[in-house]
Amino acid sequence: EPGTLSMANTGRPNSGGSQFFINTAHNAFLDWWDTSTPSKHPVFGKVNDGLEVLKTLESFGSRQGKTAKPLRMNKITIVR
């Protein structure tokens, strides 16, 4: 589901670390709640506001992982 925050890992037990990603599209194959396939990427949050900002950042990316120009995050707010 767009906006879900997931922990990246290899799928092996205890392989989660500090890497995470935010889905900007529906990625059914990564779906934590799909019981027909094993989940490698636990969902632990959701973007409530500002998904359009992520979509703009995404537009500067490429399949190779490099951005068209340097991007910097100046401020982030975590609400608990």
C-alpha atoms as a PDB file:
ATOM      1  CA  GLU A   1       0.000   0.000   0.000  1.00  0.00           C
ATOM      2  CA  PRO A   2       1.441   3.431  -0.844  1.00  0.00           C
ATOM      3  CA  GLY A   3       2.883   5.176   2.189  1.00  0.00           C
ATOM      4  CA  THR A   4       3.705   2.077   4.229  1.00  0.00           C
ATOM      5  CA  LEU A   5       7.010   2.113   6.091  1.00  0.00           C
ATOM      6  CA  SER A   6       8.818  -1.237   6.003  1.00  0.00           C
ATOM      7  CA  MET A   7      12.005  -2.718   7.430  1.00  0.00           C
ATOM      8  CA  ALA A   8      14.395  -4.096   4.838  1.00  0.00           C
ATOM      9  CA  ASN A   9      16.009  -7.481   5.501  1.00  0.00           C
ATOM     10  CA  THR A  10      17.117 -10.623   3.689  1.00  0.00           C
ATOM     11  CA  GLY A  11      14.211 -12.773   4.836  1.00  0.00           C
ATOM     12  CA  ARG A  12      16.411 -14.776   7.171  1.00  0.00           C
ATOM     13  CA  PRO A  13      15.670 -14.717  10.913  1.00  0.00           C
ATOM     14  CA  ASN A  14      17.097 -11.699  12.755  1.00  0.00           C
ATOM     15  CA  SER A  15      18.414 -10.082   9.559  1.00  0.00           C
ATOM     16  CA  GLY A  16      16.578  -6.776  10.046  1.00  0.00           C
ATOM     17  CA  GLY A  17      18.769  -3.795  10.713  1.00  0.00           C
ATOM     18  CA  SER A  18      18.491  -0.059  10.386  1.00  0.00           C
ATOM     19  CA  GLN A  19      17.479   0.022   6.708  1.00  0.00           C
ATOM     20  CA  PHE A  20      13.926   0.924   5.886  1.00  0.00           C
ATOM     21  CA  PHE A  21      11.929   2.044   2.884  1.00  0.00           C
ATOM     22  CA  ILE A  22       8.666   3.793   2.149  1.00  0.00           C
ATOM     23  CA  ASN A  23       6.447   2.284  -0.517  1.00  0.00           C
ATOM     24  CA  THR A  24       5.297   4.894  -3.022  1.00  0.00           C
ATOM     25  CA  ALA A  25       3.234   2.383  -4.989  1.00  0.00           C
ATOM     26  CA  HIS A  26       1.233  -0.736  -4.182  1.00  0.00           C
ATOM     27  CA  ASN A  27       3.787  -3.557  -4.008  1.00  0.00           C
ATOM     28  CA  ALA A  28       1.654  -6.651  -3.449  1.00  0.00           C
ATOM     29  CA  PHE A  29       4.700  -8.945  -3.461  1.00  0.00           C
ATOM     30  CA  LEU A  30       6.015  -7.131  -0.365  1.00  0.00           C
ATOM     31  CA  ASP A  31       2.682  -7.209   1.439  1.00  0.00           C
ATOM     32  CA  TRP A  32       3.087  -8.091   5.112  1.00  0.00           C
ATOM     33  CA  TRP A  33      -0.551  -9.161   5.346  1.00  0.00           C
ATOM     34  CA  ASP A  34      -0.506 -11.522   2.355  1.00  0.00           C
ATOM     35  CA  THR A  35      -0.517 -14.944   4.009  1.00  0.00           C
ATOM     36  CA  SER A  36       0.039 -16.776   0.706  1.00  0.00           C
ATOM     37  CA  THR A  37       3.709 -15.690   0.569  1.00  0.00           C
ATOM     38  CA  PRO A  38       6.366 -15.275   3.250  1.00  0.00           C
ATOM     39  CA  SER A  39       6.951 -11.642   4.159  1.00  0.00           C
ATOM     40  CA  LYS A  40      10.488 -10.359   4.143  1.00  0.00           C
ATOM     41  CA  HIS A  41       9.709  -6.750   4.948  1.00  0.00           C
ATOM     42  CA  PRO A  42       7.623  -6.095   8.090  1.00  0.00           C
ATOM     43  CA  VAL A  43       5.439  -3.004   7.935  1.00  0.00           C
ATOM     44  CA  PHE A  44       5.849  -0.859  11.044  1.00  0.00           C
ATOM     45  CA  GLY A  45       4.389   2.495  10.095  1.00  0.00           C
ATOM     46  CA  LYS A  46       2.576   4.631   7.568  1.00  0.00           C
ATOM     47  CA  VAL A  47       3.088   8.092   6.117  1.00  0.00           C
ATOM     48  CA  ASN A  48       0.045  10.095   7.190  1.00  0.00           C
ATOM     49  CA  ASP A  49       0.877  13.336   5.433  1.00  0.00           C
ATOM     50  CA  GLY A  50       3.350  14.447   2.781  1.00  0.00           C
ATOM     51  CA  LEU A  51       3.291  11.450   0.443  1.00  0.00           C
ATOM     52  CA  GLU A  52       3.305  13.956  -2.432  1.00  0.00           C
ATOM     53  CA  VAL A  53       6.745  15.141  -1.235  1.00  0.00           C
ATOM     54  CA  LEU A  54       8.058  11.569  -1.488  1.00  0.00           C
ATOM     55  CA  LYS A  55       6.604  11.245  -4.984  1.00  0.00           C
ATOM     56  CA  THR A  56       8.484  14.409  -5.992  1.00  0.00           C
ATOM     57  CA  LEU A  57      11.745  13.039  -4.539  1.00  0.00           C
ATOM     58  CA  GLU A  58      11.119   9.753  -6.323  1.00  0.00           C
ATOM     59  CA  SER A  59      10.863  11.571  -9.660  1.00  0.00           C
ATOM     60  CA  PHE A  60      14.592  12.449  -9.417  1.00  0.00           C
ATOM     61  CA  GLY A  61      15.615   8.784  -9.068  1.00  0.00           C
ATOM     62  CA  SER A  62      16.656   6.113 -11.534  1.00  0.00           C
ATOM     63  CA  ARG A  63      16.642   2.317 -11.778  1.00  0.00           C
ATOM     64  CA  GLN A  64      20.361   2.379 -10.942  1.00  0.00           C
ATOM     65  CA  GLY A  65      19.654   4.131  -7.636  1.00  0.00           C
ATOM     66  CA  LYS A  66      21.359   7.431  -8.452  1.00  0.00           C
ATOM     67  CA  THR A  67      19.464  10.689  -8.393  1.00  0.00           C
ATOM     68  CA  ALA A  68      19.445  13.188 -11.253  1.00  0.00           C
ATOM     69  CA  LYS A  69      20.725  15.799  -8.776  1.00  0.00           C
ATOM     70  CA  PRO A  70      21.770  15.714  -5.110  1.00  0.00           C
ATOM     71  CA  LEU A  71      18.823  15.607  -2.708  1.00  0.00           C
ATOM     72  CA  ARG A  72      18.913  16.476   0.976  1.00  0.00           C
ATOM     73  CA  MET A  73      16.391  16.008   3.755  1.00  0.00           C
ATOM     74  CA  ASN A  74      16.482  19.173   5.867  1.00  0.00           C
ATOM     75  CA  LYS A  75      13.799  18.338   8.409  1.00  0.00           C
ATOM     76  CA  ILE A  76      11.780  15.340   9.526  1.00  0.00           C
ATOM     77  CA  THR A  77       9.161  15.090  12.254  1.00  0.00           C
ATOM     78  CA  ILE A  78       8.351  11.815  13.976  1.00  0.00           C
ATOM     79  CA  VAL A  79       4.991  11.701  15.728  1.00  0.00           C
ATOM     80  CA  ARG A  80       4.424   9.040  18.368  1.00  0.00           C
END
